[in-house]
Amino acid sequence: MTDTYEVFYIINSFRQVNQMLFRAFWNENKEIELTSIQFMVLSILRERPSIGINEVAELCHMGSSSMSAVVERLVKGEYIVRTRSDADRRSVKLQITDKGEQAQQETHHLWMERVSPILDISKEDLEHLLRIHSQMIEKLEGREMNNI
């Protein structure tokens, strides 16, 4: 197999997994109307209440401007609120609302029903997969840094 085909098969494998995860999320999530990134933001805010947009963006591997648009939609939907710090009025923190908590919990339950078969893969294989993913990310990030 040539290098070109190896790369093609690797990329195609990621594409297939991504499509299956996307389908799993959307098929089960029609009544909640959250996107996968909105669900991710709500999950982060449940675990880390009162953090800023930049921190959430970093945890989601997104730019701050893209995250601002996601946050704006969540605020309009009353899933989260922005609060100003008493100590530093320039600092804006995000907090999940009761509506956001409920939507996150319902979505989490539905999501886990759909993707839990992944957990049938041995712990050793999953750890190996994640280690390989980390190596790939490092190599691709290294390539990006060399092209700057």
Protein backbone atom coordinates (compact mmCIF):
# COMPACT_ATOMS: atom_id res chain seq x y z
CA MET A 1 0.00 0.00 0.00
CA THR A 2 1.40 3.40 -0.93
CA ASP A 3 1.67 6.31 1.49
CA THR A 4 -1.14 8.09 -0.34
CA TYR A 5 -3.54 5.19 0.19
CA GLU A 6 -2.50 4.77 3.83
CA VAL A 7 -3.29 8.42 4.49
CA PHE A 8 -6.57 8.08 2.57
CA TYR A 9 -7.65 5.07 4.68
CA ILE A 10 -6.72 6.82 7.91
CA ILE A 11 -8.63 9.97 6.98
CA ASN A 12 -11.60 7.97 5.71
CA SER A 13 -11.71 6.02 8.98
CA PHE A 14 -11.87 9.25 10.98
CA ARG A 15 -14.54 10.56 8.62
CA GLN A 16 -16.69 7.45 9.14
CA VAL A 17 -16.37 7.60 12.93
CA ASN A 18 -17.18 11.32 12.87
CA GLN A 19 -20.27 10.70 10.72
CA MET A 20 -21.51 7.96 13.04
CA LEU A 21 -21.06 10.15 16.11
CA PHE A 22 -22.79 13.06 14.36
CA ARG A 23 -25.73 10.82 13.41
CA ALA A 24 -25.94 9.41 16.92
CA PHE A 25 -26.09 12.89 18.38
CA TRP A 26 -28.63 14.32 15.94
CA ASN A 27 -30.91 11.27 15.75
CA GLU A 28 -31.40 11.33 19.49
CA ASN A 29 -31.38 15.07 19.96
CA LYS A 30 -34.19 16.36 17.74
CA GLU A 31 -36.50 17.36 20.57
CA ILE A 32 -33.83 19.20 22.59
CA GLU A 33 -32.50 21.32 19.74
CA LEU A 34 -28.93 21.60 21.03
CA THR A 35 -25.98 21.32 18.70
CA SER A 36 -23.09 19.09 19.75
CA ILE A 37 -20.95 22.15 20.57
CA GLN A 38 -23.77 23.70 22.63
CA PHE A 39 -24.05 20.42 24.54
CA MET A 40 -20.29 20.47 25.08
CA VAL A 41 -20.40 24.04 26.44
CA LEU A 42 -23.24 23.17 28.83
CA SER A 43 -21.31 20.10 30.01
CA ILE A 44 -18.21 22.20 30.65
CA LEU A 45 -20.23 24.80 32.58
CA ARG A 46 -21.77 22.07 34.74
CA GLU A 47 -18.30 20.88 35.68
CA ARG A 48 -16.67 24.33 35.88
CA PRO A 49 -19.22 26.96 36.86
CA SER A 50 -18.37 30.61 36.35
CA ILE A 51 -15.58 30.39 33.79
CA GLY A 52 -15.01 32.81 30.95
CA ILE A 53 -15.62 32.49 27.22
CA ASN A 54 -11.90 32.21 26.45
CA GLU A 55 -11.51 29.27 28.82
CA VAL A 56 -14.53 27.50 27.35
CA ALA A 57 -13.22 28.14 23.83
CA GLU A 58 -9.86 26.65 24.76
CA LEU A 59 -11.47 23.55 26.27
CA CYS A 60 -13.53 23.11 23.07
CA HIS A 61 -10.51 23.75 20.81
CA MET A 62 -12.26 26.70 19.18
CA GLY A 63 -11.46 30.34 18.60
CA SER A 64 -12.94 32.95 20.93
CA SER A 65 -14.99 34.63 18.19
CA SER A 66 -16.59 31.32 17.16
CA MET A 67 -17.29 30.52 20.80
CA SER A 68 -18.88 33.95 21.29
CA ALA A 69 -21.50 33.05 18.66
CA VAL A 70 -22.22 29.72 20.40
CA VAL A 71 -22.51 31.48 23.76
CA GLU A 72 -24.82 34.13 22.31
CA ARG A 73 -27.23 31.43 21.07
CA LEU A 74 -27.16 29.71 24.47
CA VAL A 75 -27.86 33.03 26.24
CA LYS A 76 -30.77 33.77 23.88
CA GLY A 77 -32.13 30.27 24.53
CA GLU A 78 -31.84 30.92 28.29
CA TYR A 79 -29.51 27.93 28.76
CA ILE A 80 -26.74 30.10 30.24
CA VAL A 81 -26.29 33.62 31.63
CA ARG A 82 -23.37 36.02 31.58
CA THR A 83 -22.38 37.56 34.90
CA ARG A 84 -19.87 40.30 35.68
CA SER A 85 -17.29 39.77 38.37
CA ASP A 86 -17.67 42.03 41.41
CA ALA A 87 -13.89 42.19 41.69
CA ASP A 88 -13.25 43.01 38.01
CA ARG A 89 -16.17 44.54 36.09
CA ARG A 90 -14.39 43.77 32.79
CA SER A 91 -14.46 40.05 33.54
CA VAL A 92 -17.54 38.18 32.27
CA LYS A 93 -18.26 34.69 33.54
CA LEU A 94 -20.71 32.14 32.20
CA GLN A 95 -23.16 30.19 34.32
CA ILE A 96 -25.55 27.44 33.36
CA THR A 97 -29.24 28.04 34.15
CA ASP A 98 -31.78 25.50 35.43
CA LYS A 99 -33.06 25.18 31.86
CA GLY A 100 -29.49 24.57 30.68
CA GLU A 101 -28.91 21.97 33.41
CA GLN A 102 -32.04 20.10 32.39
CA ALA A 103 -31.20 20.21 28.68
CA GLN A 104 -27.63 19.05 29.37
CA GLN A 105 -28.79 16.14 31.54
CA GLU A 106 -31.44 15.01 29.04
CA THR A 107 -29.00 15.27 26.15
CA HIS A 108 -26.29 13.45 28.11
CA HIS A 109 -28.68 10.58 28.86
CA LEU A 110 -29.76 10.26 25.21
CA TRP A 111 -26.17 10.60 23.96
CA MET A 112 -24.90 7.88 26.31
CA GLU A 113 -27.64 5.52 25.16
CA ARG A 114 -26.42 5.93 21.59
CA VAL A 115 -22.66 5.84 22.08
CA SER A 116 -22.31 3.48 25.05
CA PRO A 117 -21.49 0.51 22.74
CA ILE A 118 -18.08 2.15 22.35
CA LEU A 119 -17.44 1.14 25.96
CA ASP A 120 -17.63 -2.52 24.90
CA ILE A 121 -14.15 -2.01 23.43
CA SER A 122 -11.52 -3.11 25.93
CA LYS A 123 -10.08 -0.43 28.20
CA GLU A 124 -6.62 -1.30 26.89
CA ASP A 125 -7.69 -0.78 23.26
CA LEU A 126 -9.39 2.53 24.10
CA GLU A 127 -6.28 3.76 25.90
CA HIS A 128 -4.17 2.69 22.91
CA LEU A 129 -6.53 4.52 20.53
CA LEU A 130 -6.38 7.72 22.59
CA ARG A 131 -2.58 7.50 22.79
CA ILE A 132 -2.38 7.19 19.00
CA HIS A 133 -4.79 10.12 18.58
CA SER A 134 -2.54 12.21 20.83
CA GLN A 135 0.49 11.29 18.73
CA MET A 136 -1.34 12.24 15.53
CA ILE A 137 -2.42 15.57 16.99
CA GLU A 138 1.14 16.33 18.11
CA LYS A 139 2.54 15.51 14.66
CA LEU A 140 -0.09 17.58 12.86
CA GLU A 141 0.33 20.50 15.28
CA GLY A 142 4.09 20.29 14.79
CA ARG A 143 3.57 20.53 11.04
CA GLU A 144 1.33 23.58 11.52
CA MET A 145 3.96 25.26 13.68
CA ASN A 146 6.64 24.63 11.05
CA ASN A 147 4.48 26.30 8.38
CA ILE A 148 3.97 29.52 10.35
